[in-house]
N, C-alpha and C. Protein backbone atom coordinates (compact mmCIF):
# COMPACT_ATOMS: atom_id res chain seq x y z
N MET A 1 9.84 36.26 2.12
CA MET A 1 10.75 35.42 2.86
C MET A 1 10.58 33.97 2.45
N LYS A 2 9.35 33.51 2.22
CA LYS A 2 9.09 32.12 1.87
C LYS A 2 9.83 31.72 0.60
N LYS A 3 9.86 32.61 -0.39
CA LYS A 3 10.54 32.29 -1.66
C LYS A 3 12.04 32.27 -1.46
N VAL A 4 12.58 33.15 -0.62
CA VAL A 4 14.02 33.14 -0.34
C VAL A 4 14.38 31.86 0.39
N VAL A 5 13.54 31.44 1.34
CA VAL A 5 13.76 30.20 2.07
C VAL A 5 13.76 29.02 1.10
N SER A 6 12.79 28.98 0.20
CA SER A 6 12.73 27.91 -0.79
C SER A 6 13.98 27.93 -1.66
N PHE A 7 14.44 29.11 -2.02
CA PHE A 7 15.64 29.21 -2.84
C PHE A 7 16.83 28.62 -2.11
N LEU A 8 16.99 28.94 -0.84
CA LEU A 8 18.12 28.42 -0.09
C LEU A 8 18.05 26.91 0.04
N PHE A 9 16.85 26.40 0.13
CA PHE A 9 16.68 24.96 0.15
C PHE A 9 17.24 24.37 -1.14
N LEU A 10 17.00 25.03 -2.24
CA LEU A 10 17.51 24.58 -3.54
C LEU A 10 19.02 24.60 -3.56
N VAL A 11 19.61 25.66 -3.05
CA VAL A 11 21.06 25.80 -3.05
C VAL A 11 21.67 24.64 -2.28
N PHE A 12 21.10 24.36 -1.13
CA PHE A 12 21.64 23.29 -0.32
C PHE A 12 21.47 21.95 -1.01
N CYS A 13 20.32 21.73 -1.63
CA CYS A 13 20.07 20.48 -2.33
C CYS A 13 21.10 20.23 -3.41
N SER A 14 21.52 21.28 -4.05
CA SER A 14 22.45 21.14 -5.17
C SER A 14 23.84 20.71 -4.73
N THR A 15 24.11 20.75 -3.45
CA THR A 15 25.46 20.46 -2.98
C THR A 15 25.67 19.02 -2.57
N MET A 16 24.65 18.21 -2.65
CA MET A 16 24.75 16.87 -2.10
C MET A 16 25.24 15.82 -3.09
N ALA A 17 25.98 16.20 -4.09
CA ALA A 17 26.34 15.28 -5.16
C ALA A 17 27.44 14.30 -4.78
N MET A 18 28.38 14.70 -3.98
CA MET A 18 29.54 13.84 -3.70
C MET A 18 29.41 13.19 -2.33
N ALA A 19 29.47 11.85 -2.33
CA ALA A 19 29.16 11.08 -1.12
C ALA A 19 30.22 11.17 -0.04
N ASN A 20 31.47 11.33 -0.37
CA ASN A 20 32.53 11.23 0.62
C ASN A 20 32.90 12.55 1.26
N GLU A 21 32.22 13.60 0.96
CA GLU A 21 32.54 14.89 1.51
C GLU A 21 31.50 15.30 2.54
N THR A 22 31.91 16.20 3.42
CA THR A 22 30.96 16.68 4.41
C THR A 22 29.95 17.61 3.74
N PRO A 23 28.79 17.76 4.35
CA PRO A 23 27.81 18.69 3.79
C PRO A 23 28.37 20.10 3.63
N TYR A 24 29.18 20.53 4.56
CA TYR A 24 29.75 21.88 4.46
C TYR A 24 30.67 21.99 3.24
N GLN A 25 31.53 21.01 3.02
CA GLN A 25 32.41 21.03 1.86
C GLN A 25 31.60 21.04 0.57
N LEU A 26 30.55 20.24 0.53
CA LEU A 26 29.73 20.16 -0.66
C LEU A 26 29.06 21.49 -0.98
N ILE A 27 28.52 22.11 0.06
CA ILE A 27 27.78 23.35 -0.17
C ILE A 27 28.70 24.47 -0.66
N THR A 28 29.92 24.52 -0.15
CA THR A 28 30.83 25.56 -0.60
C THR A 28 31.34 25.29 -2.01
N GLN A 29 31.52 24.02 -2.36
CA GLN A 29 32.01 23.68 -3.70
C GLN A 29 30.98 23.95 -4.79
N VAL A 30 29.75 23.54 -4.54
CA VAL A 30 28.73 23.62 -5.58
C VAL A 30 28.03 24.97 -5.61
N GLY A 31 27.96 25.63 -4.48
CA GLY A 31 27.23 26.90 -4.39
C GLY A 31 27.68 27.94 -5.39
N ASP A 32 28.99 28.10 -5.56
CA ASP A 32 29.51 29.11 -6.49
C ASP A 32 29.01 28.87 -7.91
N GLY A 33 29.06 27.62 -8.35
CA GLY A 33 28.59 27.30 -9.71
C GLY A 33 27.12 27.54 -9.88
N LEU A 34 26.35 27.17 -8.88
CA LEU A 34 24.91 27.37 -8.95
C LEU A 34 24.56 28.85 -9.02
N PHE A 35 25.19 29.65 -8.17
CA PHE A 35 24.92 31.09 -8.19
C PHE A 35 25.32 31.70 -9.52
N ALA A 36 26.41 31.21 -10.10
CA ALA A 36 26.83 31.73 -11.41
C ALA A 36 25.78 31.41 -12.47
N ASP A 37 25.22 30.20 -12.44
CA ASP A 37 24.16 29.82 -13.39
C ASP A 37 22.94 30.71 -13.22
N ILE A 38 22.56 30.94 -11.99
CA ILE A 38 21.38 31.76 -11.72
C ILE A 38 21.61 33.18 -12.21
N LYS A 39 22.79 33.70 -11.90
CA LYS A 39 23.11 35.07 -12.32
C LYS A 39 23.07 35.19 -13.84
N LYS A 40 23.56 34.18 -14.53
CA LYS A 40 23.62 34.19 -15.99
C LYS A 40 22.22 34.25 -16.60
N VAL A 41 21.29 33.44 -16.10
CA VAL A 41 19.95 33.40 -16.71
C VAL A 41 18.99 34.42 -16.12
N ASN A 42 19.29 34.93 -14.94
CA ASN A 42 18.34 35.84 -14.29
C ASN A 42 18.87 37.27 -14.22
N ALA A 43 19.79 37.64 -15.07
CA ALA A 43 20.31 39.01 -15.08
C ALA A 43 19.18 39.99 -15.35
N GLY A 44 18.97 40.89 -14.44
CA GLY A 44 17.91 41.88 -14.59
C GLY A 44 16.52 41.30 -14.42
N GLY A 45 16.42 40.12 -13.84
CA GLY A 45 15.11 39.50 -13.62
C GLY A 45 14.44 39.06 -14.90
N LYS A 46 15.22 38.72 -15.93
CA LYS A 46 14.65 38.39 -17.23
C LYS A 46 14.56 36.90 -17.52
N ALA A 47 14.85 36.07 -16.54
CA ALA A 47 14.80 34.63 -16.77
C ALA A 47 13.37 34.16 -16.98
N THR A 48 13.22 33.14 -17.78
CA THR A 48 11.90 32.53 -17.99
C THR A 48 11.74 31.36 -17.03
N PRO A 49 10.49 31.00 -16.73
CA PRO A 49 10.27 29.82 -15.89
C PRO A 49 10.93 28.57 -16.47
N LYS A 50 10.94 28.46 -17.80
CA LYS A 50 11.54 27.29 -18.45
C LYS A 50 13.05 27.24 -18.18
N GLU A 51 13.72 28.38 -18.24
CA GLU A 51 15.15 28.42 -17.96
C GLU A 51 15.45 28.01 -16.52
N MET A 52 14.66 28.53 -15.60
CA MET A 52 14.87 28.20 -14.19
C MET A 52 14.57 26.72 -13.93
N ARG A 53 13.53 26.20 -14.57
CA ARG A 53 13.24 24.77 -14.40
C ARG A 53 14.38 23.93 -14.94
N GLY A 54 15.04 24.40 -15.99
CA GLY A 54 16.19 23.68 -16.52
C GLY A 54 17.32 23.59 -15.50
N ILE A 55 17.58 24.70 -14.81
CA ILE A 55 18.62 24.70 -13.76
C ILE A 55 18.21 23.76 -12.63
N VAL A 56 16.96 23.86 -12.22
CA VAL A 56 16.47 23.02 -11.12
C VAL A 56 16.60 21.54 -11.48
N LYS A 57 16.15 21.21 -12.68
CA LYS A 57 16.17 19.81 -13.11
C LYS A 57 17.59 19.27 -13.19
N GLU A 58 18.49 20.07 -13.73
CA GLU A 58 19.88 19.62 -13.91
C GLU A 58 20.68 19.64 -12.62
N ARG A 59 20.59 20.73 -11.88
CA ARG A 59 21.48 20.92 -10.74
C ARG A 59 20.93 20.43 -9.40
N LEU A 60 19.60 20.50 -9.23
CA LEU A 60 19.04 20.27 -7.91
C LEU A 60 18.32 18.94 -7.72
N MET A 61 17.48 18.59 -8.66
CA MET A 61 16.63 17.42 -8.45
C MET A 61 17.40 16.12 -8.22
N PRO A 62 18.56 15.93 -8.84
CA PRO A 62 19.30 14.70 -8.56
C PRO A 62 19.74 14.58 -7.10
N HIS A 63 19.69 15.67 -6.35
CA HIS A 63 20.20 15.69 -4.99
C HIS A 63 19.12 15.86 -3.93
N ILE A 64 17.88 15.70 -4.36
CA ILE A 64 16.75 15.74 -3.43
C ILE A 64 16.22 14.32 -3.32
N ASP A 65 16.00 13.87 -2.13
CA ASP A 65 15.53 12.51 -1.90
C ASP A 65 14.01 12.46 -2.12
N THR A 66 13.61 12.49 -3.39
CA THR A 66 12.19 12.57 -3.73
C THR A 66 11.41 11.33 -3.28
N ARG A 67 12.05 10.19 -3.27
CA ARG A 67 11.37 8.97 -2.80
C ARG A 67 11.05 9.08 -1.31
N PHE A 68 12.04 9.52 -0.54
CA PHE A 68 11.84 9.67 0.91
C PHE A 68 10.80 10.76 1.19
N VAL A 69 10.92 11.89 0.49
CA VAL A 69 9.95 12.97 0.66
C VAL A 69 8.54 12.48 0.31
N SER A 70 8.42 11.73 -0.78
CA SER A 70 7.11 11.21 -1.19
C SER A 70 6.52 10.28 -0.12
N ARG A 71 7.36 9.41 0.44
CA ARG A 71 6.88 8.52 1.51
C ARG A 71 6.38 9.33 2.70
N LYS A 72 7.13 10.35 3.05
CA LYS A 72 6.73 11.19 4.18
C LYS A 72 5.42 11.94 3.88
N LEU A 73 5.28 12.43 2.65
CA LEU A 73 4.08 13.17 2.28
C LEU A 73 2.83 12.27 2.29
N LEU A 74 3.02 11.01 1.98
CA LEU A 74 1.88 10.08 1.97
C LEU A 74 1.37 9.78 3.38
N GLY A 75 2.26 9.81 4.36
CA GLY A 75 1.85 9.54 5.73
C GLY A 75 1.13 8.22 5.85
N LYS A 76 -0.02 8.23 6.51
CA LYS A 76 -0.80 7.00 6.75
C LYS A 76 -1.32 6.38 5.45
N HIS A 77 -1.34 7.12 4.37
CA HIS A 77 -1.87 6.61 3.11
C HIS A 77 -0.88 5.71 2.37
N ILE A 78 0.28 5.49 2.94
CA ILE A 78 1.27 4.62 2.30
C ILE A 78 0.84 3.15 2.39
N LYS A 79 0.04 2.83 3.38
CA LYS A 79 -0.44 1.44 3.55
C LYS A 79 -1.33 1.06 2.37
N GLY A 80 -1.04 -0.09 1.81
CA GLY A 80 -1.86 -0.60 0.71
C GLY A 80 -1.60 0.06 -0.63
N LEU A 81 -0.59 0.91 -0.70
CA LEU A 81 -0.27 1.62 -1.94
C LEU A 81 0.26 0.64 -2.99
N LYS A 82 -0.28 0.72 -4.18
CA LYS A 82 0.19 -0.14 -5.27
C LYS A 82 1.43 0.49 -5.90
N ARG A 83 2.26 -0.37 -6.49
CA ARG A 83 3.52 0.09 -7.08
C ARG A 83 3.31 1.20 -8.10
N GLN A 84 2.36 1.04 -9.00
CA GLN A 84 2.12 2.05 -10.04
C GLN A 84 1.65 3.37 -9.42
N GLU A 85 0.83 3.29 -8.38
CA GLU A 85 0.39 4.51 -7.68
C GLU A 85 1.59 5.24 -7.07
N ALA A 86 2.51 4.45 -6.49
CA ALA A 86 3.70 5.04 -5.87
C ALA A 86 4.57 5.72 -6.92
N ILE A 87 4.77 5.06 -8.05
CA ILE A 87 5.58 5.63 -9.13
C ILE A 87 4.97 6.94 -9.62
N GLU A 88 3.67 6.95 -9.84
CA GLU A 88 3.00 8.16 -10.31
C GLU A 88 3.07 9.28 -9.28
N PHE A 89 2.91 8.93 -8.00
CA PHE A 89 2.95 9.94 -6.94
C PHE A 89 4.36 10.54 -6.84
N ILE A 90 5.40 9.70 -6.89
CA ILE A 90 6.78 10.20 -6.83
C ILE A 90 7.04 11.14 -8.01
N GLY A 91 6.56 10.76 -9.20
CA GLY A 91 6.70 11.63 -10.37
C GLY A 91 6.00 12.96 -10.19
N ALA A 92 4.82 12.92 -9.58
CA ALA A 92 4.06 14.15 -9.34
C ALA A 92 4.77 15.04 -8.32
N VAL A 93 5.31 14.43 -7.27
CA VAL A 93 6.04 15.19 -6.25
C VAL A 93 7.29 15.81 -6.88
N THR A 94 7.99 15.06 -7.72
CA THR A 94 9.18 15.58 -8.40
C THR A 94 8.81 16.79 -9.26
N HIS A 95 7.74 16.68 -10.02
CA HIS A 95 7.28 17.81 -10.84
C HIS A 95 6.94 19.01 -9.97
N TYR A 96 6.19 18.79 -8.91
CA TYR A 96 5.79 19.86 -8.00
C TYR A 96 7.02 20.57 -7.43
N LEU A 97 8.02 19.80 -7.01
CA LEU A 97 9.23 20.40 -6.45
C LEU A 97 9.99 21.21 -7.50
N GLU A 98 10.08 20.68 -8.72
CA GLU A 98 10.75 21.41 -9.80
C GLU A 98 10.10 22.78 -10.02
N VAL A 99 8.78 22.79 -10.12
CA VAL A 99 8.06 24.04 -10.36
C VAL A 99 8.22 25.00 -9.18
N THR A 100 8.08 24.48 -7.98
CA THR A 100 8.19 25.30 -6.77
C THR A 100 9.57 25.92 -6.66
N TYR A 101 10.61 25.12 -6.86
CA TYR A 101 11.97 25.61 -6.74
C TYR A 101 12.33 26.60 -7.85
N ALA A 102 11.86 26.34 -9.06
CA ALA A 102 12.12 27.27 -10.17
C ALA A 102 11.51 28.63 -9.86
N SER A 103 10.33 28.64 -9.30
CA SER A 103 9.68 29.89 -8.92
C SER A 103 10.49 30.61 -7.86
N ALA A 104 11.00 29.88 -6.88
CA ALA A 104 11.81 30.48 -5.83
C ALA A 104 13.11 31.05 -6.40
N LEU A 105 13.73 30.35 -7.33
CA LEU A 105 14.97 30.84 -7.92
C LEU A 105 14.78 32.17 -8.62
N MET A 106 13.63 32.37 -9.21
CA MET A 106 13.37 33.62 -9.92
C MET A 106 13.29 34.81 -8.97
N GLN A 107 13.09 34.53 -7.68
CA GLN A 107 12.97 35.60 -6.70
C GLN A 107 14.29 35.97 -6.03
N TYR A 108 15.34 35.22 -6.33
CA TYR A 108 16.62 35.47 -5.67
C TYR A 108 17.17 36.84 -6.06
N LYS A 109 17.55 37.61 -5.06
CA LYS A 109 18.02 38.99 -5.28
C LYS A 109 19.47 39.20 -4.86
N GLY A 110 20.22 38.13 -4.69
CA GLY A 110 21.64 38.25 -4.37
C GLY A 110 21.96 38.39 -2.90
N GLN A 111 21.07 37.99 -2.02
CA GLN A 111 21.37 38.06 -0.60
C GLN A 111 22.59 37.20 -0.27
N GLU A 112 23.34 37.64 0.73
CA GLU A 112 24.49 36.85 1.18
C GLU A 112 23.97 35.68 2.01
N ILE A 113 24.56 34.52 1.78
CA ILE A 113 24.18 33.31 2.51
C ILE A 113 25.42 32.76 3.20
N VAL A 114 25.33 32.55 4.50
CA VAL A 114 26.46 32.02 5.27
C VAL A 114 26.06 30.66 5.81
N PHE A 115 26.84 29.64 5.46
CA PHE A 115 26.61 28.29 5.96
C PHE A 115 27.56 28.03 7.11
N GLU A 116 27.04 27.51 8.21
CA GLU A 116 27.86 27.25 9.38
C GLU A 116 28.34 25.80 9.37
N LYS A 117 29.64 25.67 9.54
CA LYS A 117 30.25 24.34 9.56
C LYS A 117 29.91 23.69 10.90
N GLY A 118 29.37 22.49 10.82
CA GLY A 118 29.01 21.78 12.04
C GLY A 118 29.47 20.34 11.98
N PRO A 119 29.57 19.69 13.13
CA PRO A 119 30.04 18.30 13.13
C PRO A 119 28.97 17.35 12.59
N VAL A 120 29.42 16.37 11.83
CA VAL A 120 28.55 15.30 11.36
C VAL A 120 29.21 13.99 11.79
N PRO A 121 28.63 13.29 12.78
CA PRO A 121 29.23 12.03 13.23
C PRO A 121 29.43 11.07 12.06
N LYS A 122 30.56 10.39 12.06
CA LYS A 122 30.95 9.54 10.94
C LYS A 122 29.91 8.47 10.61
N ASP A 123 29.29 7.91 11.60
CA ASP A 123 28.34 6.81 11.37
C ASP A 123 26.88 7.29 11.26
N SER A 124 26.67 8.57 11.27
CA SER A 124 25.31 9.11 11.23
C SER A 124 24.72 9.06 9.82
N LYS A 125 23.43 8.74 9.75
CA LYS A 125 22.71 8.75 8.48
C LYS A 125 21.96 10.07 8.29
N TYR A 126 21.88 10.87 9.33
CA TYR A 126 21.17 12.15 9.27
C TYR A 126 22.08 13.27 9.76
N ALA A 127 21.90 14.44 9.17
CA ALA A 127 22.69 15.60 9.59
C ALA A 127 21.89 16.87 9.31
N THR A 128 22.32 17.94 9.95
CA THR A 128 21.69 19.25 9.77
C THR A 128 22.78 20.29 9.55
N ILE A 129 22.53 21.17 8.61
CA ILE A 129 23.43 22.31 8.36
C ILE A 129 22.63 23.58 8.59
N LYS A 130 23.21 24.51 9.33
CA LYS A 130 22.54 25.79 9.57
C LYS A 130 23.03 26.81 8.55
N ALA A 131 22.09 27.59 8.07
CA ALA A 131 22.42 28.68 7.14
C ALA A 131 21.80 29.97 7.67
N ILE A 132 22.47 31.05 7.39
CA ILE A 132 21.96 32.37 7.78
C ILE A 132 21.84 33.21 6.51
N ILE A 133 20.65 33.74 6.26
CA ILE A 133 20.45 34.65 5.14
C ILE A 133 20.64 36.06 5.70
N LYS A 134 21.62 36.74 5.16
CA LYS A 134 21.91 38.11 5.59
C LYS A 134 21.02 39.07 4.81
N GLU A 135 20.08 39.67 5.50
CA GLU A 135 19.15 40.62 4.89
C GLU A 135 19.61 42.04 5.19
N SER A 136 19.78 42.86 4.17
CA SER A 136 20.22 44.24 4.39
C SER A 136 19.10 45.11 4.95
N ALA A 137 17.84 44.76 4.64
CA ALA A 137 16.72 45.60 5.05
C ALA A 137 15.91 45.00 6.20
N GLY A 138 16.49 44.06 6.93
CA GLY A 138 15.75 43.46 8.03
C GLY A 138 16.61 42.47 8.78
N PRO A 139 15.99 41.75 9.71
CA PRO A 139 16.76 40.79 10.50
C PRO A 139 17.19 39.59 9.66
N ASP A 140 18.32 38.99 10.05
CA ASP A 140 18.79 37.79 9.38
C ASP A 140 17.79 36.65 9.59
N ILE A 141 17.81 35.69 8.68
CA ILE A 141 16.89 34.55 8.75
C ILE A 141 17.72 33.29 8.97
N ASP A 142 17.34 32.51 10.00
CA ASP A 142 18.01 31.25 10.29
C ASP A 142 17.26 30.09 9.65
N LEU A 143 18.02 29.20 9.02
CA LEU A 143 17.46 28.01 8.39
C LEU A 143 18.26 26.79 8.81
N HIS A 144 17.59 25.67 8.86
CA HIS A 144 18.27 24.40 9.12
C HIS A 144 17.90 23.42 8.01
N PHE A 145 18.91 22.94 7.30
CA PHE A 145 18.71 21.99 6.22
C PHE A 145 18.90 20.58 6.76
N LYS A 146 17.92 19.72 6.53
CA LYS A 146 17.97 18.34 7.01
C LYS A 146 18.28 17.43 5.83
N PHE A 147 19.22 16.56 6.02
CA PHE A 147 19.53 15.63 4.95
C PHE A 147 19.88 14.27 5.53
N ARG A 148 19.83 13.28 4.67
CA ARG A 148 20.14 11.92 5.11
C ARG A 148 21.02 11.24 4.08
N LYS A 149 21.77 10.27 4.58
CA LYS A 149 22.68 9.53 3.72
C LYS A 149 21.98 8.26 3.25
N GLY A 150 21.93 8.07 1.94
CA GLY A 150 21.30 6.88 1.37
C GLY A 150 22.22 5.67 1.43
N LYS A 151 21.69 4.54 1.02
CA LYS A 151 22.47 3.30 1.02
C LYS A 151 23.67 3.40 0.11
N ASP A 152 23.59 4.28 -0.89
CA ASP A 152 24.70 4.47 -1.82
C ASP A 152 25.77 5.41 -1.27
N GLY A 153 25.57 5.91 -0.05
CA GLY A 153 26.54 6.80 0.58
C GLY A 153 26.39 8.26 0.23
N GLN A 154 25.41 8.60 -0.60
CA GLN A 154 25.22 10.00 -0.99
C GLN A 154 24.26 10.70 -0.04
N TRP A 155 24.60 11.94 0.28
CA TRP A 155 23.72 12.78 1.08
C TRP A 155 22.68 13.39 0.16
N LYS A 156 21.41 13.35 0.61
CA LYS A 156 20.34 14.00 -0.14
C LYS A 156 19.45 14.76 0.84
N VAL A 157 18.98 15.88 0.40
CA VAL A 157 18.13 16.74 1.23
C VAL A 157 16.71 16.18 1.29
N TYR A 158 16.11 16.28 2.46
CA TYR A 158 14.72 15.88 2.59
C TYR A 158 13.85 16.90 3.30
N ASP A 159 14.43 17.93 3.94
CA ASP A 159 13.60 18.90 4.64
C ASP A 159 14.37 20.19 4.89
N LEU A 160 13.61 21.24 5.13
CA LEU A 160 14.14 22.54 5.51
C LEU A 160 13.30 23.06 6.66
N VAL A 161 13.97 23.48 7.72
CA VAL A 161 13.27 24.06 8.87
C VAL A 161 13.59 25.56 8.87
N ALA A 162 12.56 26.36 8.65
CA ALA A 162 12.72 27.81 8.59
C ALA A 162 12.00 28.43 9.77
N GLU A 163 12.76 29.17 10.56
CA GLU A 163 12.19 29.82 11.75
C GLU A 163 11.41 28.82 12.60
N GLY A 164 11.96 27.61 12.73
CA GLY A 164 11.37 26.59 13.59
C GLY A 164 10.24 25.78 12.96
N ILE A 165 9.92 26.03 11.70
CA ILE A 165 8.82 25.32 11.04
C ILE A 165 9.38 24.41 9.96
N SER A 166 9.08 23.11 10.07
CA SER A 166 9.50 22.14 9.07
C SER A 166 8.60 22.25 7.85
N LEU A 167 9.20 22.53 6.69
CA LEU A 167 8.41 22.63 5.47
C LEU A 167 7.84 21.27 5.07
N LEU A 168 8.58 20.19 5.33
CA LEU A 168 8.09 18.86 5.02
C LEU A 168 6.88 18.51 5.88
N SER A 169 6.97 18.78 7.17
CA SER A 169 5.85 18.48 8.07
C SER A 169 4.61 19.28 7.70
N ALA A 170 4.80 20.55 7.37
CA ALA A 170 3.66 21.39 7.00
C ALA A 170 2.99 20.88 5.73
N LYS A 171 3.80 20.52 4.73
CA LYS A 171 3.25 20.01 3.47
C LYS A 171 2.62 18.64 3.67
N GLN A 172 3.21 17.83 4.55
CA GLN A 172 2.67 16.50 4.82
C GLN A 172 1.26 16.60 5.37
N LYS A 173 1.03 17.49 6.30
CA LYS A 173 -0.32 17.66 6.87
C LYS A 173 -1.32 18.02 5.78
N GLU A 174 -0.91 18.92 4.90
CA GLU A 174 -1.78 19.35 3.81
C GLU A 174 -2.09 18.20 2.86
N ILE A 175 -1.08 17.45 2.46
CA ILE A 175 -1.25 16.35 1.50
C ILE A 175 -2.07 15.21 2.10
N VAL A 176 -1.75 14.82 3.34
CA VAL A 176 -2.50 13.73 3.99
C VAL A 176 -3.97 14.09 4.09
N SER A 177 -4.25 15.32 4.48
CA SER A 177 -5.64 15.77 4.59
C SER A 177 -6.33 15.76 3.22
N ARG A 178 -5.63 16.24 2.22
CA ARG A 178 -6.20 16.31 0.86
C ARG A 178 -6.47 14.90 0.31
N ILE A 179 -5.55 13.95 0.55
CA ILE A 179 -5.77 12.57 0.11
C ILE A 179 -7.00 11.99 0.79
N SER A 180 -7.17 12.27 2.07
CA SER A 180 -8.35 11.79 2.79
C SER A 180 -9.63 12.36 2.19
N GLN A 181 -9.58 13.59 1.71
CA GLN A 181 -10.76 14.24 1.15
C GLN A 181 -11.10 13.76 -0.26
N VAL A 182 -10.09 13.72 -1.15
CA VAL A 182 -10.37 13.49 -2.57
C VAL A 182 -9.71 12.25 -3.16
N GLY A 183 -8.83 11.60 -2.41
CA GLY A 183 -8.18 10.39 -2.89
C GLY A 183 -6.80 10.67 -3.49
N LEU A 184 -5.99 9.62 -3.52
CA LEU A 184 -4.61 9.73 -3.99
C LEU A 184 -4.53 10.12 -5.46
N ALA A 185 -5.36 9.52 -6.30
CA ALA A 185 -5.30 9.80 -7.74
C ALA A 185 -5.53 11.28 -8.02
N GLN A 186 -6.49 11.89 -7.33
CA GLN A 186 -6.78 13.31 -7.54
C GLN A 186 -5.61 14.19 -7.07
N VAL A 187 -5.02 13.85 -5.90
CA VAL A 187 -3.89 14.63 -5.39
C VAL A 187 -2.70 14.50 -6.33
N THR A 188 -2.47 13.31 -6.86
CA THR A 188 -1.39 13.10 -7.83
C THR A 188 -1.60 13.99 -9.05
N THR A 189 -2.82 14.02 -9.55
CA THR A 189 -3.16 14.88 -10.70
C THR A 189 -2.93 16.35 -10.36
N GLU A 190 -3.35 16.78 -9.19
CA GLU A 190 -3.18 18.17 -8.77
C GLU A 190 -1.70 18.56 -8.70
N LEU A 191 -0.86 17.68 -8.16
CA LEU A 191 0.57 17.98 -8.07
C LEU A 191 1.20 18.07 -9.46
N LYS A 192 0.77 17.20 -10.37
CA LYS A 192 1.30 17.21 -11.74
C LYS A 192 0.89 18.46 -12.50
N SER A 193 -0.25 19.04 -12.13
CA SER A 193 -0.76 20.19 -12.89
C SER A 193 -0.16 21.52 -12.44
N LYS A 194 0.63 21.52 -11.38
CA LYS A 194 1.25 22.77 -10.91
C LYS A 194 2.23 23.30 -11.94
N GLY A 195 2.20 24.61 -12.14
CA GLY A 195 3.15 25.26 -13.02
C GLY A 195 2.84 25.06 -14.46
């Protein structure tokens, strides 16, 4: 389930390219193309990690708010952070997300995904879209995608809540604790070495 949840997070992230459209419109427009790409490279489960990372890098990463996610992951350790440390940490988080999402994409088995259209107040900088993963061999899975509108007017994803658990909050606790134990430089190195 965790890999399917991560995959759906990727799908949603890929839809945030156009600033003037609602999240629902974006997800329906981009989703078809993304699924076609995945089907093309993962026919019969034969895709390589490199191919999946290519899809992630091209289609998804531009629509994930990696700077905001990085700030959240740093938590209390953001105080006193030097510019170069921040740049390196954001790069490490970006790499970590690429590897994680590529792995999740390789696990996609064609489940039906239904996105629910919901209201997004015109002046709001934050919004949530609910998705339902239709599982043929078990209960459906509810997800909530959290995104925010940047100063440039583009929506970018920053979190996924699966079965009531925020993936960003869970990872933040882990990263903050690890930085306290071994330091920021070591955690940055660890994130860069994934995959």
